[in-house]
Amino acid sequence: MASRFPVALAALTAILLGALAVPGARADCDGPYPSFREAAPSAKRVVYGDVVAVEPVQGAGPDGRSSRFVLEGLSVVGSIRRERVEVRDLQSQPCAGYLVARVGDRVAIAFEGRAFSPGIEVNAIAWLSGEPPDLIGIEVVTESEVYEILGIQPARVEPTRPAGPEPGIPWLAVIAALALGVGGALTLRRLRTEDLG
């Protein structure tokens, strides 16, 4: 009988550990999403912009939201630059779900910021436009609020130029001038040939 007790205890421990490993199995691990306003000032990177694509994921709801999406916009920590970010199953905090969005949403994401007390590392999302999911902790902010939260001036970024010739250069005039130059040189050569002959 005494030898059965350690075996039963080991089996019970394995069952409990297995239950804790299943996402959502712990009642105390369904915490709120972190506040973007709280996390952004300490974040390593903050990007805001438009969700331009999503990848359907298993178990996603019928509303078109996905934990795998592409965000095109501006990175505004450090140097302000255009950025395209592929978000793939990014957890908001250890005891809450992934960041989700759908095409047409305009969102801001604070990557690797700190929130809660005591502070923990989080990834926080806020909505600028579109309909945010009905989840505790999700906030709505304006573009100007993003800059106010970070304590920086609004971005002035030159539009991205398409690959190809620089705009404003009169390429037709350049080609015409080259054609005239070549034509003139050929005419001069012919005249010299005729003079020599």
N, C-alpha and C. Protein backbone atom coordinates (compact mmCIF):
# COMPACT_ATOMS: atom_id res chain seq x y z
N MET A 1 0.83 -1.21 0.00
CA MET A 1 0.00 0.00 0.00
C MET A 1 0.86 1.25 0.00
N ALA A 2 1.97 1.23 0.76
CA ALA A 2 2.81 2.41 0.87
C ALA A 2 3.44 2.77 -0.47
N SER A 3 3.72 1.72 -1.29
CA SER A 3 4.37 2.00 -2.58
C SER A 3 3.40 2.62 -3.58
N ARG A 4 2.09 2.48 -3.38
CA ARG A 4 1.11 3.05 -4.31
C ARG A 4 0.97 4.56 -4.12
N PHE A 5 1.24 5.04 -2.91
CA PHE A 5 1.05 6.47 -2.64
C PHE A 5 1.95 7.35 -3.52
N PRO A 6 3.28 7.08 -3.62
CA PRO A 6 4.12 7.91 -4.49
C PRO A 6 3.69 7.85 -5.95
N VAL A 7 3.22 6.69 -6.42
CA VAL A 7 2.77 6.55 -7.81
C VAL A 7 1.53 7.41 -8.04
N ALA A 8 0.58 7.34 -7.11
CA ALA A 8 -0.65 8.14 -7.22
C ALA A 8 -0.34 9.62 -7.16
N LEU A 9 0.60 10.00 -6.28
CA LEU A 9 0.99 11.41 -6.16
C LEU A 9 1.64 11.89 -7.44
N ALA A 10 2.49 11.07 -8.04
CA ALA A 10 3.16 11.44 -9.30
C ALA A 10 2.13 11.59 -10.42
N ALA A 11 1.14 10.69 -10.46
CA ALA A 11 0.10 10.76 -11.50
C ALA A 11 -0.73 12.02 -11.34
N LEU A 12 -1.10 12.36 -10.10
CA LEU A 12 -1.89 13.57 -9.83
C LEU A 12 -1.11 14.82 -10.22
N THR A 13 0.18 14.83 -9.90
CA THR A 13 1.05 15.97 -10.25
C THR A 13 1.12 16.14 -11.77
N ALA A 14 1.26 15.03 -12.49
CA ALA A 14 1.33 15.09 -13.95
C ALA A 14 0.04 15.64 -14.54
N ILE A 15 -1.10 15.22 -13.99
CA ILE A 15 -2.40 15.71 -14.48
C ILE A 15 -2.53 17.20 -14.25
N LEU A 16 -2.16 17.66 -13.04
CA LEU A 16 -2.25 19.09 -12.73
C LEU A 16 -1.32 19.91 -13.62
N LEU A 17 -0.09 19.44 -13.82
CA LEU A 17 0.85 20.16 -14.69
C LEU A 17 0.34 20.20 -16.12
N GLY A 18 -0.25 19.11 -16.57
CA GLY A 18 -0.82 19.08 -17.93
C GLY A 18 -1.95 20.07 -18.07
N ALA A 19 -2.79 20.19 -17.06
CA ALA A 19 -3.91 21.14 -17.12
C ALA A 19 -3.41 22.57 -17.16
N LEU A 20 -2.34 22.85 -16.41
CA LEU A 20 -1.79 24.21 -16.40
C LEU A 20 -1.15 24.56 -17.73
N ALA A 21 -0.68 23.55 -18.45
CA ALA A 21 -0.01 23.81 -19.74
C ALA A 21 -1.00 24.13 -20.83
N VAL A 22 -2.28 23.77 -20.66
CA VAL A 22 -3.28 24.04 -21.70
C VAL A 22 -3.71 25.49 -21.63
N PRO A 23 -3.63 26.23 -22.76
CA PRO A 23 -4.02 27.64 -22.74
C PRO A 23 -5.46 27.79 -22.26
N GLY A 24 -5.68 28.69 -21.36
CA GLY A 24 -7.03 28.96 -20.88
C GLY A 24 -7.50 28.02 -19.79
N ALA A 25 -6.63 27.06 -19.40
CA ALA A 25 -7.05 26.09 -18.40
C ALA A 25 -7.02 26.68 -17.00
N ARG A 26 -6.18 27.69 -16.79
CA ARG A 26 -6.08 28.29 -15.46
C ARG A 26 -7.10 29.42 -15.33
N ALA A 27 -7.90 29.33 -14.28
CA ALA A 27 -8.92 30.35 -14.06
C ALA A 27 -8.29 31.71 -13.77
N ASP A 28 -7.06 31.70 -13.18
CA ASP A 28 -6.42 32.96 -12.83
C ASP A 28 -5.56 33.49 -13.97
N CYS A 29 -5.67 32.90 -15.18
CA CYS A 29 -4.83 33.32 -16.29
C CYS A 29 -5.66 33.82 -17.46
N ASP A 30 -6.71 34.57 -17.18
CA ASP A 30 -7.50 35.18 -18.25
C ASP A 30 -7.53 36.69 -18.03
N GLY A 31 -6.34 37.21 -17.78
CA GLY A 31 -6.21 38.62 -17.40
C GLY A 31 -6.58 39.59 -18.50
N PRO A 32 -6.64 40.85 -18.17
CA PRO A 32 -6.99 41.87 -19.16
C PRO A 32 -5.82 42.12 -20.12
N TYR A 33 -6.16 42.69 -21.25
CA TYR A 33 -5.12 43.13 -22.18
C TYR A 33 -4.45 44.35 -21.56
N PRO A 34 -3.15 44.50 -21.78
CA PRO A 34 -2.45 45.64 -21.20
C PRO A 34 -2.87 46.95 -21.85
N SER A 35 -2.77 48.01 -21.08
CA SER A 35 -3.11 49.35 -21.56
C SER A 35 -2.02 49.87 -22.50
N PHE A 36 -2.42 50.29 -23.68
CA PHE A 36 -1.47 50.89 -24.62
C PHE A 36 -0.87 52.15 -24.02
N ARG A 37 -1.72 52.95 -23.38
CA ARG A 37 -1.25 54.21 -22.77
C ARG A 37 -0.17 53.96 -21.72
N GLU A 38 -0.30 52.86 -21.00
CA GLU A 38 0.68 52.54 -19.96
C GLU A 38 1.95 51.94 -20.56
N ALA A 39 1.81 51.08 -21.57
CA ALA A 39 2.95 50.35 -22.12
C ALA A 39 3.79 51.15 -23.11
N ALA A 40 3.17 52.04 -23.87
CA ALA A 40 3.86 52.72 -24.97
C ALA A 40 5.10 53.52 -24.54
N PRO A 41 5.07 54.29 -23.44
CA PRO A 41 6.25 55.09 -23.09
C PRO A 41 7.51 54.26 -22.85
N SER A 42 7.38 53.02 -22.44
CA SER A 42 8.56 52.18 -22.18
C SER A 42 8.82 51.17 -23.30
N ALA A 43 8.00 51.20 -24.35
CA ALA A 43 8.11 50.19 -25.42
C ALA A 43 9.40 50.35 -26.23
N LYS A 44 9.92 49.22 -26.70
CA LYS A 44 11.11 49.26 -27.55
C LYS A 44 10.76 49.75 -28.95
N ARG A 45 9.50 49.53 -29.36
CA ARG A 45 9.06 49.95 -30.68
C ARG A 45 7.57 50.23 -30.63
N VAL A 46 7.14 51.30 -31.28
CA VAL A 46 5.72 51.61 -31.40
C VAL A 46 5.44 51.87 -32.88
N VAL A 47 4.48 51.14 -33.42
CA VAL A 47 4.11 51.28 -34.83
C VAL A 47 2.61 51.50 -34.89
N TYR A 48 2.20 52.47 -35.71
CA TYR A 48 0.76 52.63 -35.94
C TYR A 48 0.49 52.71 -37.43
N GLY A 49 -0.67 52.22 -37.83
CA GLY A 49 -1.00 52.26 -39.26
C GLY A 49 -2.19 51.37 -39.55
N ASP A 50 -2.28 50.95 -40.81
CA ASP A 50 -3.44 50.21 -41.30
C ASP A 50 -3.14 48.72 -41.44
N VAL A 51 -4.12 47.92 -41.05
CA VAL A 51 -4.03 46.47 -41.27
C VAL A 51 -4.42 46.23 -42.72
N VAL A 52 -3.46 45.71 -43.51
CA VAL A 52 -3.69 45.56 -44.95
C VAL A 52 -3.91 44.12 -45.38
N ALA A 53 -3.62 43.18 -44.49
CA ALA A 53 -3.83 41.77 -44.83
C ALA A 53 -3.93 40.95 -43.55
N VAL A 54 -4.66 39.86 -43.61
CA VAL A 54 -4.73 38.92 -42.49
C VAL A 54 -4.57 37.51 -43.03
N GLU A 55 -4.09 36.64 -42.18
CA GLU A 55 -3.99 35.22 -42.50
C GLU A 55 -5.00 34.50 -41.62
N PRO A 56 -5.94 33.78 -42.21
CA PRO A 56 -6.92 33.07 -41.38
C PRO A 56 -6.21 32.07 -40.47
N VAL A 57 -6.68 31.96 -39.24
CA VAL A 57 -6.11 31.01 -38.29
C VAL A 57 -7.21 30.11 -37.75
N GLN A 58 -6.84 28.91 -37.35
CA GLN A 58 -7.80 27.96 -36.82
C GLN A 58 -8.40 28.51 -35.53
N GLY A 59 -9.68 28.41 -35.40
CA GLY A 59 -10.36 28.87 -34.19
C GLY A 59 -10.70 30.35 -34.20
N ALA A 60 -10.40 31.05 -35.32
CA ALA A 60 -10.73 32.48 -35.40
C ALA A 60 -12.24 32.64 -35.53
N GLY A 61 -12.75 33.74 -35.02
CA GLY A 61 -14.18 34.01 -35.08
C GLY A 61 -14.63 34.43 -36.47
N PRO A 62 -15.93 34.56 -36.67
CA PRO A 62 -16.47 34.93 -37.98
C PRO A 62 -16.31 36.41 -38.32
N ASP A 63 -15.74 37.19 -37.40
CA ASP A 63 -15.65 38.64 -37.62
C ASP A 63 -14.45 39.06 -38.46
N GLY A 64 -13.64 38.09 -38.91
CA GLY A 64 -12.50 38.42 -39.78
C GLY A 64 -11.24 38.78 -39.04
N ARG A 65 -11.27 38.78 -37.70
CA ARG A 65 -10.06 39.10 -36.94
C ARG A 65 -9.13 37.91 -36.94
N SER A 66 -7.84 38.21 -36.91
CA SER A 66 -6.84 37.16 -36.90
C SER A 66 -5.66 37.60 -36.03
N SER A 67 -4.95 36.61 -35.49
CA SER A 67 -3.73 36.91 -34.73
C SER A 67 -2.52 36.98 -35.66
N ARG A 68 -2.76 36.83 -36.96
CA ARG A 68 -1.70 36.95 -37.96
C ARG A 68 -2.14 37.99 -38.98
N PHE A 69 -1.50 39.15 -38.91
CA PHE A 69 -1.89 40.24 -39.80
C PHE A 69 -0.69 41.09 -40.17
N VAL A 70 -0.88 41.90 -41.22
CA VAL A 70 0.18 42.78 -41.71
C VAL A 70 -0.23 44.22 -41.45
N LEU A 71 0.66 44.96 -40.79
CA LEU A 71 0.42 46.35 -40.43
C LEU A 71 1.38 47.23 -41.23
N GLU A 72 0.83 48.19 -41.98
CA GLU A 72 1.66 49.15 -42.72
C GLU A 72 1.45 50.53 -42.13
N GLY A 73 2.55 51.17 -41.73
CA GLY A 73 2.40 52.50 -41.13
C GLY A 73 3.73 53.10 -40.78
N LEU A 74 3.75 53.78 -39.64
CA LEU A 74 4.95 54.48 -39.18
C LEU A 74 5.47 53.89 -37.88
N SER A 75 6.78 53.71 -37.82
CA SER A 75 7.45 53.37 -36.58
C SER A 75 7.86 54.70 -35.95
N VAL A 76 7.48 54.94 -34.71
CA VAL A 76 7.66 56.29 -34.15
C VAL A 76 8.52 56.35 -32.89
N VAL A 77 9.28 55.31 -32.60
CA VAL A 77 10.23 55.36 -31.50
C VAL A 77 11.62 55.43 -32.12
N GLY A 78 12.42 56.39 -31.66
CA GLY A 78 13.72 56.62 -32.31
C GLY A 78 13.49 57.39 -33.59
N SER A 79 14.09 56.94 -34.68
CA SER A 79 13.88 57.63 -35.96
C SER A 79 12.49 57.26 -36.49
N ILE A 80 11.78 58.25 -37.01
CA ILE A 80 10.44 58.02 -37.55
C ILE A 80 10.59 57.56 -38.99
N ARG A 81 10.04 56.38 -39.27
CA ARG A 81 10.20 55.80 -40.61
C ARG A 81 8.98 54.95 -40.95
N ARG A 82 8.82 54.74 -42.25
CA ARG A 82 7.75 53.86 -42.71
C ARG A 82 8.14 52.42 -42.41
N GLU A 83 7.13 51.62 -42.06
CA GLU A 83 7.43 50.24 -41.71
C GLU A 83 6.26 49.33 -42.06
N ARG A 84 6.59 48.13 -42.45
CA ARG A 84 5.61 47.07 -42.70
C ARG A 84 5.91 45.96 -41.70
N VAL A 85 4.95 45.66 -40.84
CA VAL A 85 5.17 44.69 -39.77
C VAL A 85 4.24 43.50 -39.96
N GLU A 86 4.82 42.31 -39.92
CA GLU A 86 4.02 41.08 -39.94
C GLU A 86 3.87 40.60 -38.50
N VAL A 87 2.67 40.67 -37.99
CA VAL A 87 2.38 40.23 -36.63
C VAL A 87 1.88 38.79 -36.70
N ARG A 88 2.55 37.90 -35.97
CA ARG A 88 2.18 36.49 -36.00
C ARG A 88 2.07 35.96 -34.57
N ASP A 89 0.83 35.74 -34.12
CA ASP A 89 0.57 35.14 -32.81
C ASP A 89 1.38 35.82 -31.71
N LEU A 90 1.24 37.14 -31.64
CA LEU A 90 1.97 37.93 -30.65
C LEU A 90 1.12 38.04 -29.38
N GLN A 91 1.61 37.45 -28.29
CA GLN A 91 0.85 37.45 -27.04
C GLN A 91 0.93 38.82 -26.38
N SER A 92 -0.20 39.26 -25.87
CA SER A 92 -0.25 40.59 -25.25
C SER A 92 0.46 40.61 -23.91
N GLN A 93 0.23 39.61 -23.11
CA GLN A 93 0.90 39.45 -21.81
C GLN A 93 0.78 37.98 -21.43
N PRO A 94 1.60 37.51 -20.48
CA PRO A 94 1.62 36.07 -20.18
C PRO A 94 0.27 35.47 -19.82
N CYS A 95 -0.65 36.28 -19.30
CA CYS A 95 -1.94 35.73 -18.90
C CYS A 95 -3.11 36.32 -19.69
N ALA A 96 -2.87 36.63 -20.96
CA ALA A 96 -3.96 37.10 -21.83
C ALA A 96 -3.68 36.61 -23.25
N GLY A 97 -4.60 36.87 -24.15
CA GLY A 97 -4.51 36.31 -25.50
C GLY A 97 -3.60 37.07 -26.44
N TYR A 98 -3.66 36.64 -27.70
CA TYR A 98 -2.87 37.27 -28.76
C TYR A 98 -3.48 38.61 -29.17
N LEU A 99 -2.64 39.46 -29.79
CA LEU A 99 -3.15 40.67 -30.43
C LEU A 99 -3.87 40.23 -31.70
N VAL A 100 -5.05 40.78 -31.94
CA VAL A 100 -5.83 40.43 -33.13
C VAL A 100 -6.30 41.70 -33.82
N ALA A 101 -6.50 41.59 -35.15
CA ALA A 101 -7.01 42.73 -35.92
C ALA A 101 -7.59 42.19 -37.23
N ARG A 102 -8.24 43.07 -37.97
CA ARG A 102 -8.77 42.67 -39.27
C ARG A 102 -8.50 43.76 -40.29
N VAL A 103 -8.59 43.40 -41.56
CA VAL A 103 -8.32 44.34 -42.64
C VAL A 103 -9.24 45.55 -42.49
N GLY A 104 -8.64 46.73 -42.62
CA GLY A 104 -9.40 47.97 -42.48
C GLY A 104 -9.24 48.62 -41.13
N ASP A 105 -8.79 47.86 -40.14
CA ASP A 105 -8.53 48.45 -38.82
C ASP A 105 -7.30 49.35 -38.91
N ARG A 106 -7.31 50.42 -38.16
CA ARG A 106 -6.13 51.27 -38.00
C ARG A 106 -5.75 51.18 -36.53
N VAL A 107 -4.57 50.62 -36.26
CA VAL A 107 -4.19 50.31 -34.89
C VAL A 107 -2.79 50.84 -34.58
N ALA A 108 -2.51 50.90 -33.29
CA ALA A 108 -1.16 51.22 -32.80
C ALA A 108 -0.73 50.07 -31.90
N ILE A 109 0.51 49.63 -32.06
CA ILE A 109 1.03 48.54 -31.23
C ILE A 109 2.30 49.00 -30.53
N ALA A 110 2.34 48.79 -29.23
CA ALA A 110 3.55 49.03 -28.43
C ALA A 110 4.19 47.67 -28.18
N PHE A 111 5.38 47.47 -28.75
CA PHE A 111 6.09 46.20 -28.61
C PHE A 111 7.05 46.25 -27.42
N GLU A 112 6.98 45.24 -26.58
CA GLU A 112 7.90 45.07 -25.45
C GLU A 112 7.95 46.30 -24.53
N GLY A 113 6.76 46.73 -24.13
CA GLY A 113 6.66 47.78 -23.12
C GLY A 113 6.44 47.15 -21.76
N ARG A 114 6.19 48.00 -20.77
CA ARG A 114 5.92 47.48 -19.42
C ARG A 114 4.59 48.03 -18.93
N ALA A 115 3.85 47.15 -18.25
CA ALA A 115 2.54 47.54 -17.71
C ALA A 115 2.25 46.70 -16.47
N PHE A 116 1.20 47.07 -15.77
CA PHE A 116 0.72 46.41 -14.57
C PHE A 116 1.64 46.71 -13.38
N SER A 117 1.23 46.23 -12.22
CA SER A 117 2.01 46.43 -11.00
C SER A 117 2.00 45.12 -10.22
N PRO A 118 3.13 44.48 -10.03
CA PRO A 118 4.45 44.90 -10.51
C PRO A 118 4.54 44.81 -12.03
N GLY A 119 5.42 45.61 -12.61
CA GLY A 119 5.52 45.71 -14.06
C GLY A 119 6.00 44.42 -14.70
N ILE A 120 5.38 44.07 -15.83
CA ILE A 120 5.82 42.94 -16.63
C ILE A 120 5.92 43.39 -18.09
N GLU A 121 6.67 42.64 -18.90
CA GLU A 121 6.80 42.98 -20.31
C GLU A 121 5.53 42.59 -21.05
N VAL A 122 5.03 43.51 -21.88
CA VAL A 122 3.77 43.29 -22.60
C VAL A 122 3.88 43.82 -24.03
N ASN A 123 2.91 43.40 -24.83
CA ASN A 123 2.68 43.97 -26.16
C ASN A 123 1.26 44.49 -26.15
N ALA A 124 1.09 45.78 -26.35
CA ALA A 124 -0.24 46.39 -26.20
C ALA A 124 -0.73 46.95 -27.53
N ILE A 125 -2.02 46.83 -27.77
CA ILE A 125 -2.63 47.32 -29.00
C ILE A 125 -3.76 48.29 -28.65
N ALA A 126 -3.92 49.32 -29.48
CA ALA A 126 -5.03 50.27 -29.33
C ALA A 126 -5.59 50.55 -30.71
N TRP A 127 -6.85 50.93 -30.77
CA TRP A 127 -7.51 51.20 -32.04
C TRP A 127 -7.57 52.69 -32.32
N LEU A 128 -7.20 53.09 -33.55
CA LEU A 128 -7.36 54.46 -34.01
C LEU A 128 -8.65 54.59 -34.81
N SER A 129 -8.98 53.54 -35.58
CA SER A 129 -10.26 53.50 -36.28
C SER A 129 -10.60 52.04 -36.57
N GLY A 130 -11.86 51.81 -36.90
CA GLY A 130 -12.34 50.44 -37.02
C GLY A 130 -12.98 50.06 -35.70
N GLU A 131 -13.53 48.86 -35.63
CA GLU A 131 -14.23 48.43 -34.42
C GLU A 131 -13.33 47.51 -33.60
N PRO A 132 -12.90 47.97 -32.42
CA PRO A 132 -12.03 47.11 -31.59
C PRO A 132 -12.80 45.92 -31.05
N PRO A 133 -12.09 44.83 -30.77
CA PRO A 133 -12.77 43.68 -30.16
C PRO A 133 -13.23 44.03 -28.75
N ASP A 134 -14.27 43.36 -28.31
CA ASP A 134 -14.84 43.62 -26.97
C ASP A 134 -14.04 42.82 -25.94
N LEU A 135 -12.82 43.31 -25.67
CA LEU A 135 -11.93 42.64 -24.72
C LEU A 135 -11.50 43.63 -23.65
N ILE A 136 -11.42 43.18 -22.42
CA ILE A 136 -11.03 44.06 -21.31
C ILE A 136 -9.61 44.55 -21.51
N GLY A 137 -9.44 45.86 -21.44
CA GLY A 137 -8.11 46.46 -21.56
C GLY A 137 -7.83 47.10 -22.91
N ILE A 138 -8.60 46.74 -23.94
CA ILE A 138 -8.38 47.32 -25.27
C ILE A 138 -8.83 48.78 -25.26
N GLU A 139 -7.98 49.68 -25.76
CA GLU A 139 -8.27 51.12 -25.74
C GLU A 139 -8.44 51.68 -27.15
N VAL A 140 -9.05 52.84 -27.21
CA VAL A 140 -9.17 53.60 -28.45
C VAL A 140 -8.39 54.90 -28.25
N VAL A 141 -7.51 55.24 -29.21
CA VAL A 141 -6.71 56.45 -29.13
C VAL A 141 -6.76 57.18 -30.48
N THR A 142 -6.34 58.43 -30.48
CA THR A 142 -6.21 59.18 -31.73
C THR A 142 -4.74 59.20 -32.11
N GLU A 143 -4.47 59.59 -33.35
CA GLU A 143 -3.09 59.69 -33.82
C GLU A 143 -2.30 60.69 -32.98
N SER A 144 -2.93 61.82 -32.68
CA SER A 144 -2.23 62.83 -31.87
C SER A 144 -1.96 62.32 -30.46
N GLU A 145 -2.86 61.48 -29.93
CA GLU A 145 -2.63 60.90 -28.60
C GLU A 145 -1.42 59.97 -28.60
N VAL A 146 -1.21 59.25 -29.69
CA VAL A 146 -0.04 58.36 -29.77
C VAL A 146 1.22 59.18 -29.53
N TYR A 147 1.31 60.35 -30.20
CA TYR A 147 2.50 61.20 -30.04
C TYR A 147 2.55 61.82 -28.64
N GLU A 148 1.40 62.21 -28.11
CA GLU A 148 1.37 62.78 -26.75
C GLU A 148 1.83 61.74 -25.72
N ILE A 149 1.36 60.51 -25.85
CA ILE A 149 1.74 59.44 -24.93
C ILE A 149 3.25 59.22 -24.96
N LEU A 150 3.83 59.30 -26.16
CA LEU A 150 5.27 59.07 -26.32
C LEU A 150 6.09 60.33 -26.03
N GLY A 151 5.41 61.49 -25.94
CA GLY A 151 6.11 62.74 -25.67
C GLY A 151 6.97 63.21 -26.82
N ILE A 152 6.50 62.98 -28.06
CA ILE A 152 7.26 63.40 -29.25
C ILE A 152 6.37 64.22 -30.17
N GLN A 153 7.01 64.90 -31.11
CA GLN A 153 6.28 65.71 -32.09
C GLN A 153 5.69 64.80 -33.17
N PRO A 154 4.53 65.19 -33.73
CA PRO A 154 3.95 64.40 -34.83
C PRO A 154 4.92 64.24 -35.98
N ALA A 155 4.84 63.09 -36.63
CA ALA A 155 5.77 62.74 -37.70
C ALA A 155 5.52 63.56 -38.96
N ARG A 156 6.61 63.95 -39.60
CA ARG A 156 6.56 64.52 -40.95
C ARG A 156 7.47 63.66 -41.80
N VAL A 157 6.87 62.73 -42.51
CA VAL A 157 7.64 61.77 -43.30
C VAL A 157 7.35 62.00 -44.77
N GLU A 158 8.42 62.04 -45.57
CA GLU A 158 8.25 62.18 -47.01
C GLU A 158 7.56 60.93 -47.54
N PRO A 159 6.67 61.08 -48.51
CA PRO A 159 6.03 59.89 -49.08
C PRO A 159 7.07 59.00 -49.75
N THR A 160 6.83 57.70 -49.69
CA THR A 160 7.74 56.76 -50.32
C THR A 160 7.66 56.94 -51.83
N ARG A 161 8.83 57.07 -52.48
CA ARG A 161 8.85 57.25 -53.93
C ARG A 161 8.91 55.90 -54.62
N PRO A 162 8.15 55.74 -55.69
CA PRO A 162 8.22 54.47 -56.42
C PRO A 162 9.57 54.33 -57.11
N ALA A 163 9.96 53.07 -57.34
CA ALA A 163 11.22 52.82 -58.04
C ALA A 163 11.11 53.36 -59.46
N GLY A 164 12.20 53.87 -59.99
CA GLY A 164 12.19 54.39 -61.35
C GLY A 164 12.83 55.76 -61.38
N PRO A 165 12.66 56.47 -62.48
CA PRO A 165 13.30 57.79 -62.61
C PRO A 165 12.81 58.77 -61.56
N GLU A 166 13.66 59.68 -61.19
CA GLU A 166 13.30 60.72 -60.24
C GLU A 166 12.18 61.57 -60.82
N PRO A 167 11.13 61.84 -60.03
CA PRO A 167 10.08 62.71 -60.54
C PRO A 167 10.62 64.11 -60.78
N GLY A 168 10.07 64.78 -61.77
CA GLY A 168 10.47 66.16 -62.03
C GLY A 168 11.54 66.29 -63.11
N ILE A 169 12.20 65.18 -63.47
CA ILE A 169 13.21 65.26 -64.54
C ILE A 169 12.49 65.08 -65.87
N PRO A 170 12.64 66.00 -66.81
CA PRO A 170 11.93 65.91 -68.10
C PRO A 170 12.61 64.89 -69.02
N TRP A 171 12.30 63.63 -68.81
CA TRP A 171 12.97 62.56 -69.54
C TRP A 171 12.74 62.66 -71.04
N LEU A 172 11.56 63.08 -71.49
CA LEU A 172 11.32 63.22 -72.93
C LEU A 172 12.25 64.27 -73.54
N ALA A 173 12.45 65.36 -72.80
CA ALA A 173 13.34 66.42 -73.29
C ALA A 173 14.78 65.92 -73.38
N VAL A 174 15.19 65.11 -72.39
CA VAL A 174 16.55 64.55 -72.40
C VAL A 174 16.73 63.64 -73.60
N ILE A 175 15.75 62.77 -73.85
CA ILE A 175 15.82 61.84 -74.99
C ILE A 175 15.84 62.61 -76.30
N ALA A 176 14.98 63.66 -76.40
CA ALA A 176 14.94 64.47 -77.62
C ALA A 176 16.27 65.17 -77.85
N ALA A 177 16.87 65.69 -76.78
CA ALA A 177 18.16 66.37 -76.91
C ALA A 177 19.24 65.39 -77.36
N LEU A 178 19.23 64.18 -76.81
CA LEU A 178 20.19 63.16 -77.23
C LEU A 178 19.99 62.80 -78.70
N ALA A 179 18.76 62.65 -79.12
CA ALA A 179 18.47 62.31 -80.52
C ALA A 179 18.95 63.42 -81.44
N LEU A 180 18.71 64.68 -81.05
CA LEU A 180 19.17 65.80 -81.86
C LEU A 180 20.70 65.83 -81.94
N GLY A 181 21.34 65.56 -80.82
CA GLY A 181 22.80 65.55 -80.77
C GLY A 181 23.38 64.48 -81.68
N VAL A 182 22.82 63.28 -81.62
CA VAL A 182 23.29 62.18 -82.46
C VAL A 182 23.02 62.50 -83.93
N GLY A 183 21.83 63.02 -84.20
CA GLY A 183 21.48 63.39 -85.58
C GLY A 183 22.42 64.46 -86.12
N GLY A 184 22.73 65.46 -85.30
CA GLY A 184 23.64 66.53 -85.72
C GLY A 184 25.04 66.00 -85.99
N ALA A 185 25.50 65.10 -85.15
CA ALA A 185 26.84 64.52 -85.34
C ALA A 185 26.90 63.73 -86.63
N LEU A 186 25.85 62.97 -86.92
CA LEU A 186 25.82 62.18 -88.16
C LEU A 186 25.79 63.09 -89.39
N THR A 187 25.03 64.18 -89.30
CA THR A 187 24.96 65.13 -90.42
C THR A 187 26.32 65.76 -90.66
N LEU A 188 26.98 66.17 -89.59
CA LEU A 188 28.32 66.77 -89.70
C LEU A 188 29.31 65.80 -90.33
N ARG A 189 29.24 64.54 -89.92
CA ARG A 189 30.14 63.53 -90.46
C ARG A 189 29.90 63.34 -91.96
N ARG A 190 28.61 63.33 -92.36
CA ARG A 190 28.28 63.17 -93.78
C ARG A 190 28.80 64.33 -94.60
N LEU A 191 28.64 65.57 -94.05
CA LEU A 191 29.12 66.75 -94.76
C LEU A 191 30.63 66.72 -94.92
N ARG A 192 31.33 66.30 -93.89
CA ARG A 192 32.80 66.22 -93.98
C ARG A 192 33.22 65.17 -95.02
N THR A 193 32.50 64.07 -95.03
CA THR A 193 32.82 63.01 -96.00
C THR A 193 32.62 63.53 -97.42
N GLU A 194 31.53 64.30 -97.62
CA GLU A 194 31.26 64.85 -98.95
C GLU A 194 32.34 65.88 -99.36
N ASP A 195 32.80 66.69 -98.37
CA ASP A 195 33.84 67.69 -98.66
C ASP A 195 35.15 67.00 -99.06
N LEU A 196 35.47 65.92 -98.39
CA LEU A 196 36.71 65.21 -98.68
C LEU A 196 36.62 64.50 -100.02
N GLY A 197 35.42 64.08 -100.35
CA GLY A 197 35.25 63.34 -101.62
C GLY A 197 35.22 64.34 -102.74
